[in-house]
N, C-alpha and C. Protein backbone atom coordinates (compact mmCIF):
# COMPACT_ATOMS: atom_id res chain seq x y z
N MET A 1 0.87 -1.27 -0.18
CA MET A 1 0.13 -0.02 0.04
C MET A 1 0.98 1.39 0.19
N LEU A 2 1.88 1.26 0.30
CA LEU A 2 2.74 2.14 0.93
C LEU A 2 3.07 2.71 -0.87
N GLY A 3 3.85 1.99 -1.09
CA GLY A 3 4.67 2.07 -2.44
C GLY A 3 3.38 2.23 -3.57
N ILE A 4 2.48 2.18 -3.40
CA ILE A 4 0.99 2.54 -4.47
C ILE A 4 0.95 3.73 -4.41
N SER A 5 0.92 4.64 -2.58
CA SER A 5 0.17 5.63 -2.24
C SER A 5 1.74 6.65 -2.48
N ARG A 6 2.76 5.92 -2.84
CA ARG A 6 4.30 6.91 -2.69
C ARG A 6 4.01 7.60 -4.08
N LYS A 7 3.45 6.59 -5.05
CA LYS A 7 3.77 7.01 -6.48
C LYS A 7 2.67 7.48 -6.92
N LEU A 8 1.35 7.31 -6.41
CA LEU A 8 -0.23 8.36 -6.27
C LEU A 8 0.30 9.80 -5.64
N ASN A 9 0.88 9.59 -4.64
CA ASN A 9 1.18 11.05 -3.83
C ASN A 9 2.34 10.86 -3.38
N SER A 10 3.25 11.85 -4.45
CA SER A 10 4.75 11.97 -4.29
C SER A 10 4.98 12.41 -3.98
N THR A 11 4.82 13.93 -3.60
CA THR A 11 4.54 14.72 -2.54
C THR A 11 4.41 14.58 -1.17
N VAL A 12 3.76 13.80 -0.52
CA VAL A 12 3.47 13.76 0.87
C VAL A 12 4.17 12.79 1.06
N THR A 13 4.64 12.89 2.55
CA THR A 13 5.30 12.59 3.57
C THR A 13 4.73 10.86 4.06
N HIS A 14 5.19 9.93 3.92
CA HIS A 14 4.45 8.62 4.07
C HIS A 14 5.70 7.79 5.28
N ILE A 15 4.93 7.16 6.26
CA ILE A 15 5.47 7.17 7.59
C ILE A 15 4.66 5.61 7.94
N GLU A 16 5.82 4.45 7.81
CA GLU A 16 4.88 3.03 8.20
C GLU A 16 5.25 2.83 9.88
N ALA A 17 4.38 3.05 10.62
CA ALA A 17 3.93 2.86 12.26
C ALA A 17 2.83 2.06 12.54
N ASP A 18 2.81 1.92 13.78
CA ASP A 18 1.65 1.30 14.80
C ASP A 18 1.02 2.41 15.37
N PHE A 19 -0.17 3.45 14.95
CA PHE A 19 -0.82 4.23 15.50
C PHE A 19 -0.69 4.11 16.75
N ARG A 20 -0.63 2.66 17.63
CA ARG A 20 -1.55 3.09 18.98
C ARG A 20 0.23 3.76 20.02
N ASP A 21 1.04 3.54 19.36
CA ASP A 21 2.06 3.92 20.04
C ASP A 21 2.84 5.15 19.04
N LEU A 22 2.66 5.38 17.84
CA LEU A 22 3.28 6.58 16.83
C LEU A 22 3.38 7.91 18.14
N ASP A 23 4.83 8.38 17.38
CA ASP A 23 4.91 10.10 17.89
C ASP A 23 5.76 10.42 16.93
N LEU A 24 4.76 11.71 16.44
CA LEU A 24 5.44 12.38 14.88
C LEU A 24 6.25 13.33 15.48
N SER A 25 6.30 13.74 16.81
CA SER A 25 6.94 15.08 17.61
C SER A 25 6.12 16.11 17.07
N ARG A 26 5.34 15.69 16.56
CA ARG A 26 4.58 17.51 15.95
C ARG A 26 2.86 16.88 15.94
N SER A 27 1.96 18.43 15.81
CA SER A 27 0.73 18.32 15.82
C SER A 27 0.30 18.86 14.54
N PHE A 28 -1.48 18.44 14.57
CA PHE A 28 -2.03 18.75 13.40
C PHE A 28 -3.47 19.42 13.73
N ASP A 29 -3.96 19.76 12.44
CA ASP A 29 -5.33 20.65 13.03
C ASP A 29 -6.63 19.26 12.56
N VAL A 30 -6.15 18.33 12.08
CA VAL A 30 -7.17 17.43 12.25
C VAL A 30 -6.59 16.27 11.97
N VAL A 31 -6.81 14.85 12.72
CA VAL A 31 -6.47 13.37 12.39
C VAL A 31 -7.59 12.73 11.96
N LEU A 32 -7.25 11.88 10.83
CA LEU A 32 -8.71 10.83 10.73
C LEU A 32 -8.01 9.94 10.91
N ALA A 33 -8.95 9.39 10.95
CA ALA A 33 -8.75 7.62 11.55
C ALA A 33 -9.88 6.30 11.52
N HIS A 34 -10.10 6.47 10.04
CA HIS A 34 -10.90 5.87 9.08
C HIS A 34 -11.36 4.27 10.02
N ASP A 35 -10.94 3.68 9.00
CA ASP A 35 -11.22 2.28 9.33
C ASP A 35 -10.35 1.68 10.32
N SER A 36 -9.07 2.78 10.50
CA SER A 36 -8.07 1.93 11.12
C SER A 36 -8.92 1.69 12.65
N LEU A 37 -9.54 2.40 13.57
CA LEU A 37 -9.59 2.05 14.56
C LEU A 37 -10.63 0.71 14.62
N ASP A 38 -10.76 0.47 13.75
CA ASP A 38 -11.50 -1.10 13.71
C ASP A 38 -11.01 -2.16 14.05
N TYR A 39 -9.43 -2.18 13.55
CA TYR A 39 -8.57 -3.43 14.14
C TYR A 39 -8.01 -3.41 15.28
N MET A 40 -8.77 -2.31 16.08
CA MET A 40 -8.29 -2.58 17.71
C MET A 40 -9.24 -3.37 18.67
N VAL A 41 -8.32 -4.57 18.61
CA VAL A 41 -9.50 -5.77 19.18
C VAL A 41 -9.33 -5.62 20.62
N THR A 42 -8.47 -4.99 21.28
CA THR A 42 -8.84 -4.80 22.92
C THR A 42 -9.47 -3.18 23.28
N GLU A 43 -9.69 -3.06 24.49
CA GLU A 43 -10.03 -1.94 24.66
C GLU A 43 -9.09 -1.03 25.01
N GLN A 44 -7.95 -1.91 25.71
CA GLN A 44 -6.32 -1.16 25.80
C GLN A 44 -5.97 -0.87 24.30
N ASP A 45 -5.83 -1.26 23.29
CA ASP A 45 -5.77 -1.00 22.04
C ASP A 45 -6.72 0.45 21.75
N LEU A 46 -7.62 0.63 21.37
CA LEU A 46 -8.56 1.19 21.10
C LEU A 46 -8.26 2.76 22.34
N ARG A 47 -7.74 2.59 23.21
CA ARG A 47 -7.25 3.32 24.27
C ARG A 47 -5.94 3.98 23.63
N ALA A 48 -5.07 3.63 23.76
CA ALA A 48 -4.14 3.83 22.83
C ALA A 48 -4.00 4.31 21.50
N ALA A 49 -4.80 3.97 20.73
CA ALA A 49 -5.01 4.25 19.65
C ALA A 49 -5.44 6.22 19.06
N ILE A 50 -6.66 6.48 20.17
CA ILE A 50 -7.04 7.44 20.69
C ILE A 50 -6.23 8.45 21.23
N THR A 51 -5.81 7.90 22.11
CA THR A 51 -4.72 8.76 22.86
C THR A 51 -3.80 9.37 21.98
N SER A 52 -2.95 8.37 21.31
CA SER A 52 -2.42 8.83 20.60
C SER A 52 -2.97 9.69 19.16
N ALA A 53 -3.96 9.53 18.85
CA ALA A 53 -4.33 10.53 17.65
C ALA A 53 -4.38 12.08 18.36
N ALA A 54 -5.11 11.89 19.97
CA ALA A 54 -5.10 13.29 20.63
C ALA A 54 -3.77 14.17 20.75
N GLN A 55 -2.66 12.96 21.00
CA GLN A 55 -1.48 13.86 21.33
C GLN A 55 -0.93 14.55 20.07
N HIS A 56 -1.38 14.07 18.82
CA HIS A 56 -0.88 14.85 17.38
C HIS A 56 -1.77 16.14 16.84
N LEU A 57 -2.84 16.43 18.15
CA LEU A 57 -3.72 17.55 18.00
C LEU A 57 -3.55 18.62 18.60
N GLN A 58 -3.55 20.03 18.09
CA GLN A 58 -3.39 20.79 18.44
C GLN A 58 -4.62 21.16 19.29
N PRO A 59 -4.55 22.35 19.82
CA PRO A 59 -5.95 22.62 21.04
C PRO A 59 -6.75 23.03 20.17
N GLY A 60 -7.84 22.86 20.16
CA GLY A 60 -9.19 22.79 19.34
C GLY A 60 -8.72 22.14 18.09
N GLY A 61 -8.46 21.24 17.75
CA GLY A 61 -8.05 20.26 16.52
C GLY A 61 -9.22 19.23 16.45
N LEU A 62 -8.93 18.95 15.67
CA LEU A 62 -10.11 17.53 14.99
C LEU A 62 -10.13 16.37 14.55
N LEU A 63 -10.84 15.09 15.55
CA LEU A 63 -10.37 13.79 15.69
C LEU A 63 -11.38 13.34 14.45
N ILE A 64 -11.55 12.83 13.52
CA ILE A 64 -12.57 12.13 12.68
C ILE A 64 -12.22 10.68 12.81
N ALA A 65 -13.42 9.64 13.71
CA ALA A 65 -13.01 8.76 13.46
C ALA A 65 -14.42 8.07 12.92
N ALA A 66 -13.97 7.28 12.24
CA ALA A 66 -15.29 6.11 11.80
C ALA A 66 -15.32 4.96 11.60
N PRO A 67 -15.82 4.45 12.62
CA PRO A 67 -16.03 2.83 13.31
C PRO A 67 -16.95 2.77 12.33
N THR A 68 -16.82 0.91 11.89
CA THR A 68 -17.89 0.49 10.98
C THR A 68 -18.66 0.33 11.69
N TYR A 69 -18.56 -0.09 13.46
CA TYR A 69 -19.85 -0.90 13.86
C TYR A 69 -19.97 -0.29 15.27
N PHE A 70 -20.66 -0.11 15.93
CA PHE A 70 -21.12 -0.23 17.50
C PHE A 70 -21.61 -1.26 17.98
N ARG A 71 -21.28 -1.65 19.34
CA ARG A 71 -22.20 -2.79 19.55
C ARG A 71 -23.91 -2.46 19.15
N GLU A 72 -24.18 -1.30 19.89
CA GLU A 72 -25.67 -1.39 19.71
C GLU A 72 -26.11 -1.28 17.96
N THR A 73 -24.92 -1.27 17.05
CA THR A 73 -25.56 -1.37 15.81
C THR A 73 -25.28 -2.16 15.26
N PHE A 74 -24.19 -3.30 15.78
CA PHE A 74 -23.52 -4.21 15.04
C PHE A 74 -25.24 -5.44 14.69
N LYS A 75 -25.07 -6.13 13.15
CA LYS A 75 -26.12 -7.18 12.97
C LYS A 75 -25.12 -8.41 12.98
N ASP A 76 -25.06 -9.35 13.68
CA ASP A 76 -24.82 -10.43 13.49
C ASP A 76 -25.11 -11.52 11.89
N HIS A 77 -24.20 -11.70 11.31
CA HIS A 77 -24.11 -12.52 10.10
C HIS A 77 -24.88 -11.20 9.17
N GLU A 78 -24.25 -9.97 9.18
CA GLU A 78 -25.45 -9.12 8.11
C GLU A 78 -24.15 -9.69 6.95
N VAL A 79 -24.73 -9.46 5.32
CA VAL A 79 -23.94 -9.62 4.13
C VAL A 79 -24.00 -8.60 3.55
N ALA A 80 -23.06 -7.79 3.02
CA ALA A 80 -23.29 -7.09 2.02
C ALA A 80 -22.59 -7.32 0.73
N TYR A 81 -22.74 -6.41 -0.60
CA TYR A 81 -21.99 -7.22 -1.65
C TYR A 81 -22.22 -5.56 -2.43
N ASP A 82 -21.08 -5.58 -3.50
CA ASP A 82 -21.16 -4.62 -4.63
C ASP A 82 -20.39 -5.09 -5.42
N CYS A 83 -20.25 -3.85 -6.54
CA CYS A 83 -19.30 -3.80 -7.62
C CYS A 83 -19.07 -3.25 -8.21
N CYS A 84 -17.91 -2.77 -8.91
CA CYS A 84 -17.08 -1.61 -9.49
C CYS A 84 -16.56 -1.92 -10.86
N VAL A 85 -16.22 -1.45 -11.81
CA VAL A 85 -16.51 -1.78 -13.27
C VAL A 85 -15.98 -0.36 -13.64
N GLN A 86 -14.42 -0.55 -14.13
CA GLN A 86 -13.54 0.21 -14.86
C GLN A 86 -12.56 -0.02 -15.76
N LEU A 87 -12.89 0.26 -16.65
CA LEU A 87 -11.84 -0.24 -17.93
C LEU A 87 -11.83 -1.65 -18.33
N ASP A 88 -11.14 -2.61 -18.03
CA ASP A 88 -11.10 -4.10 -18.26
C ASP A 88 -11.14 -4.83 -16.86
N ILE A 89 -11.64 -3.69 -16.09
CA ILE A 89 -10.97 -4.95 -14.45
C ILE A 89 -12.57 -4.94 -14.12
N GLU A 90 -13.28 -5.94 -13.46
CA GLU A 90 -14.51 -5.61 -12.83
C GLU A 90 -14.32 -6.56 -11.43
N VAL A 91 -14.78 -5.70 -10.29
CA VAL A 91 -14.10 -6.45 -8.83
C VAL A 91 -15.61 -6.52 -7.92
N SER A 92 -15.95 -7.11 -8.05
CA SER A 92 -17.03 -7.55 -6.77
C SER A 92 -16.54 -8.12 -5.60
N TYR A 93 -18.00 -8.28 -4.68
CA TYR A 93 -17.30 -8.87 -3.03
C TYR A 93 -18.54 -9.06 -2.62
N VAL A 94 -18.59 -9.57 -1.44
CA VAL A 94 -19.68 -10.29 -0.49
C VAL A 94 -18.77 -10.07 0.56
N SER A 95 -19.37 -9.42 1.27
CA SER A 95 -18.52 -9.46 2.81
C SER A 95 -19.83 -9.81 3.95
N HIS A 96 -18.95 -10.67 4.80
CA HIS A 96 -19.98 -11.12 6.03
C HIS A 96 -19.40 -10.80 7.78
N VAL A 97 -20.26 -10.82 8.14
CA VAL A 97 -19.80 -10.26 9.77
C VAL A 97 -20.30 -11.16 10.86
N ARG A 98 -19.28 -12.09 11.77
CA ARG A 98 -19.55 -12.82 12.46
C ARG A 98 -19.17 -12.46 14.10
N GLN A 99 -20.05 -12.20 14.90
CA GLN A 99 -19.45 -11.80 15.99
C GLN A 99 -18.70 -13.03 17.08
N THR A 100 -17.00 -12.49 17.17
CA THR A 100 -16.87 -14.16 17.75
C THR A 100 -16.31 -13.62 19.71
N SER A 101 -16.42 -12.65 19.85
CA SER A 101 -17.11 -12.06 21.66
C SER A 101 -17.54 -11.26 21.89
N GLU A 102 -18.02 -10.93 22.48
CA GLU A 102 -18.38 -9.43 23.35
C GLU A 102 -17.89 -8.47 22.73
N THR A 103 -16.38 -8.34 22.69
CA THR A 103 -16.04 -6.78 22.05
C THR A 103 -15.34 -7.49 20.71
N SER A 104 -15.71 -8.68 19.96
CA SER A 104 -15.00 -8.55 18.78
C SER A 104 -15.99 -9.12 17.60
N TYR A 105 -15.33 -9.16 16.58
CA TYR A 105 -16.17 -9.47 15.23
C TYR A 105 -15.07 -9.86 13.99
N VAL A 106 -15.48 -10.74 13.21
CA VAL A 106 -14.83 -11.26 12.01
C VAL A 106 -15.51 -10.81 10.80
N LEU A 107 -15.03 -9.76 9.68
CA LEU A 107 -14.65 -9.35 8.76
C LEU A 107 -15.13 -10.34 7.74
N THR A 108 -15.05 -11.26 7.28
CA THR A 108 -14.90 -12.02 5.96
C THR A 108 -15.38 -11.51 4.24
N MET A 109 -14.31 -11.72 3.88
CA MET A 109 -14.76 -11.03 2.14
C MET A 109 -14.23 -11.62 1.45
N LEU A 110 -15.22 -12.32 0.76
CA LEU A 110 -14.96 -12.59 -1.02
C LEU A 110 -14.86 -11.93 -2.03
N ILE A 111 -13.49 -12.12 -2.64
CA ILE A 111 -13.91 -11.01 -3.94
C ILE A 111 -13.27 -11.61 -5.41
N ILE A 112 -14.28 -11.09 -5.83
CA ILE A 112 -14.12 -11.97 -7.36
C ILE A 112 -13.31 -10.78 -8.26
N ILE A 113 -12.66 -11.09 -8.72
CA ILE A 113 -12.01 -10.06 -9.99
C ILE A 113 -11.83 -10.53 -10.96
N HIS A 114 -12.39 -9.58 -12.30
CA HIS A 114 -12.39 -10.33 -13.21
C HIS A 114 -11.46 -9.32 -14.65
N GLU A 115 -10.33 -9.39 -14.87
CA GLU A 115 -9.30 -8.95 -15.19
C GLU A 115 -9.21 -9.26 -16.71
N HIS A 116 -8.82 -8.30 -17.93
CA HIS A 116 -8.51 -8.97 -19.14
C HIS A 116 -8.94 -10.38 -19.65
N GLY A 117 -10.25 -10.66 -19.04
CA GLY A 117 -10.61 -12.25 -19.69
C GLY A 117 -10.14 -13.59 -18.25
N VAL A 118 -9.38 -12.96 -17.50
CA VAL A 118 -9.23 -13.65 -16.74
C VAL A 118 -10.11 -13.37 -15.07
N LEU A 119 -10.49 -14.75 -14.44
CA LEU A 119 -11.65 -14.69 -13.44
C LEU A 119 -10.49 -15.22 -12.00
N ARG A 120 -10.60 -14.38 -11.06
CA ARG A 120 -10.07 -15.32 -9.33
C ARG A 120 -10.82 -15.13 -8.55
N ALA A 121 -10.78 -15.67 -7.60
CA ALA A 121 -11.33 -15.13 -6.31
C ALA A 121 -10.43 -14.50 -5.30
N GLU A 122 -10.87 -13.98 -4.52
CA GLU A 122 -9.55 -14.36 -3.09
C GLU A 122 -10.56 -13.43 -2.06
N GLU A 123 -10.01 -14.69 -0.99
CA GLU A 123 -10.96 -14.00 0.20
C GLU A 123 -9.94 -13.47 1.57
N ASP A 124 -10.83 -12.70 2.04
CA ASP A 124 -9.69 -12.00 2.92
C ASP A 124 -10.18 -11.83 4.62
N ARG A 125 -10.28 -11.71 5.47
CA ARG A 125 -10.43 -11.91 6.86
C ARG A 125 -9.73 -10.57 7.45
N HIS A 126 -11.01 -9.74 7.80
CA HIS A 126 -10.09 -8.84 9.46
C HIS A 126 -10.56 -9.16 10.61
N PHE A 127 -10.24 -8.81 11.61
CA PHE A 127 -10.63 -9.01 13.00
C PHE A 127 -10.37 -7.60 13.97
N CYS A 128 -11.47 -7.84 14.17
CA CYS A 128 -12.06 -6.05 14.63
C CYS A 128 -12.77 -5.88 16.22
N GLY A 129 -12.45 -4.99 16.46
CA GLY A 129 -13.28 -4.51 17.85
C GLY A 129 -14.36 -3.86 18.03
N LEU A 130 -14.88 -4.48 18.90
CA LEU A 130 -16.57 -4.31 18.94
C LEU A 130 -16.71 -3.44 20.10
N TYR A 131 -17.48 -2.52 20.37
CA TYR A 131 -17.47 -1.24 21.21
C TYR A 131 -18.72 -0.89 21.68
N GLU A 132 -19.25 -0.76 22.91
CA GLU A 132 -20.22 0.34 23.09
C GLU A 132 -20.43 1.97 23.06
N MET A 133 -21.10 2.76 22.19
CA MET A 133 -21.01 4.32 21.77
C MET A 133 -20.58 4.73 23.01
N ALA A 134 -21.07 4.27 24.26
CA ALA A 134 -20.83 4.74 25.67
C ALA A 134 -19.62 4.62 25.99
N LYS A 135 -18.73 3.39 25.74
CA LYS A 135 -17.60 3.36 25.95
C LYS A 135 -16.27 4.41 24.87
N TRP A 136 -16.96 4.41 23.91
CA TRP A 136 -16.14 5.58 23.05
C TRP A 136 -16.16 7.02 23.62
N ARG A 137 -17.27 6.69 23.85
CA ARG A 137 -17.42 8.25 24.70
C ARG A 137 -16.55 8.48 25.99
N ASP A 138 -16.16 7.27 26.46
CA ASP A 138 -15.16 6.96 28.25
C ASP A 138 -14.10 7.22 27.32
N ILE A 139 -13.60 6.46 26.38
CA ILE A 139 -12.29 6.78 26.20
C ILE A 139 -11.64 8.48 25.14
N LEU A 140 -12.63 8.96 24.78
CA LEU A 140 -12.74 9.87 23.94
C LEU A 140 -12.15 10.75 24.98
N ASP A 141 -13.02 11.14 25.72
CA ASP A 141 -13.21 11.80 27.09
C ASP A 141 -11.76 12.14 28.14
N ASP A 142 -11.76 10.49 27.95
CA ASP A 142 -10.07 10.61 28.86
C ASP A 142 -9.00 10.93 28.14
N ALA A 143 -8.94 10.66 26.85
CA ALA A 143 -7.87 11.34 25.90
C ALA A 143 -7.91 12.70 26.07
N GLY A 144 -9.07 13.95 26.32
CA GLY A 144 -8.80 14.92 26.48
C GLY A 144 -9.74 15.95 24.76
N LEU A 145 -10.46 14.31 24.39
CA LEU A 145 -11.63 14.89 23.33
C LEU A 145 -12.94 15.62 23.95
N ASP A 146 -13.70 16.13 23.59
CA ASP A 146 -15.29 16.08 23.27
C ASP A 146 -15.54 15.86 22.33
N GLY A 147 -16.61 14.60 22.28
CA GLY A 147 -16.58 13.78 21.11
C GLY A 147 -18.48 13.87 21.03
N GLN A 148 -18.59 13.60 19.63
CA GLN A 148 -20.31 14.15 19.04
C GLN A 148 -20.37 12.99 17.90
N LEU A 149 -21.33 12.45 18.01
CA LEU A 149 -21.90 11.19 17.06
C LEU A 149 -22.38 12.53 16.22
N ILE A 150 -22.06 12.07 14.82
CA ILE A 150 -22.64 12.99 14.31
C ILE A 150 -23.31 12.40 12.51
N CYS A 151 -23.18 11.21 12.46
CA CYS A 151 -23.51 10.78 11.98
C CYS A 151 -23.92 8.83 12.30
N ASP A 152 -25.19 8.30 12.65
CA ASP A 152 -25.34 7.02 13.04
C ASP A 152 -25.77 6.07 11.72
N ASN A 153 -25.34 5.00 11.96
CA ASN A 153 -25.45 3.81 11.02
C ASN A 153 -26.64 3.95 10.59
N ASP A 154 -27.52 4.18 9.55
CA ASP A 154 -29.06 4.26 9.23
C ASP A 154 -28.75 4.11 7.54
N GLU A 155 -30.01 3.87 6.85
CA GLU A 155 -30.01 3.60 5.25
C GLU A 155 -28.84 4.68 4.57
N SER A 156 -28.88 5.43 5.11
CA SER A 156 -28.09 6.50 4.26
C SER A 156 -26.59 6.45 4.12
N ALA A 157 -26.09 6.06 5.55
CA ALA A 157 -24.76 6.02 5.54
C ALA A 157 -24.19 4.26 6.43
N PRO A 158 -23.42 4.00 5.46
CA PRO A 158 -22.97 2.81 5.94
C PRO A 158 -22.01 2.50 7.11
N TRP A 159 -21.59 3.81 7.98
CA TRP A 159 -20.48 3.57 8.84
C TRP A 159 -21.13 4.43 9.90
N GLU A 160 -20.31 4.64 11.06
CA GLU A 160 -20.22 6.00 12.22
C GLU A 160 -19.79 6.60 11.68
N LEU A 161 -19.96 8.12 12.53
CA LEU A 161 -19.10 8.66 12.28
C LEU A 161 -19.26 9.92 13.68
N TRP A 162 -18.07 9.99 14.47
CA TRP A 162 -17.78 10.81 15.30
C TRP A 162 -16.80 12.37 14.68
N ALA A 163 -16.87 13.20 15.36
CA ALA A 163 -15.97 14.15 15.37
C ALA A 163 -15.64 14.83 16.71
N ALA A 164 -14.30 14.82 17.01
CA ALA A 164 -14.01 15.14 18.38
C ALA A 164 -13.26 16.24 18.34
N ILE A 165 -13.43 17.21 19.23
CA ILE A 165 -12.34 18.36 19.32
C ILE A 165 -11.57 18.10 20.49
N LYS A 166 -10.44 18.51 20.66
CA LYS A 166 -9.36 18.28 21.77
C LYS A 166 -9.42 19.76 22.48
N ARG A 167 -9.59 19.27 23.65
CA ARG A 167 -10.06 20.74 24.91
C ARG A 167 -8.53 21.04 24.90
């Protein structure tokens, strides 16, 4: 991913690091943590990642976090699918989620790729954390962030969206 990103974004600095203990020794106006927070499979991991994000924000800075699910919105065995066709490549996927514990789930994706007349299938598994909205609020607050849920999971938005301002 870094190699592809470097080609597409050659003027941007790229750093490979673990978000949970990252120290860039600088601060920013905005930190975007999209799907990355889904992979925090323990509360300790989630707390470390959000604390790291907060430490990289200037006072008044904005953390945008988009967890795919909260425990309250999770639908065990939910299936989703989509397809994209561009030039000579068609990519389709089917995804399935299964709760594996009170605080975790597995997202399994079957990806079907039809490229230049050749068909292949790939399987991809993601092990993710699953936390209550109140736990998110507590962790954001403990990190010095005032968080507000600005988009909840409904038919128009496939994910949750938090905006949190650093105090």
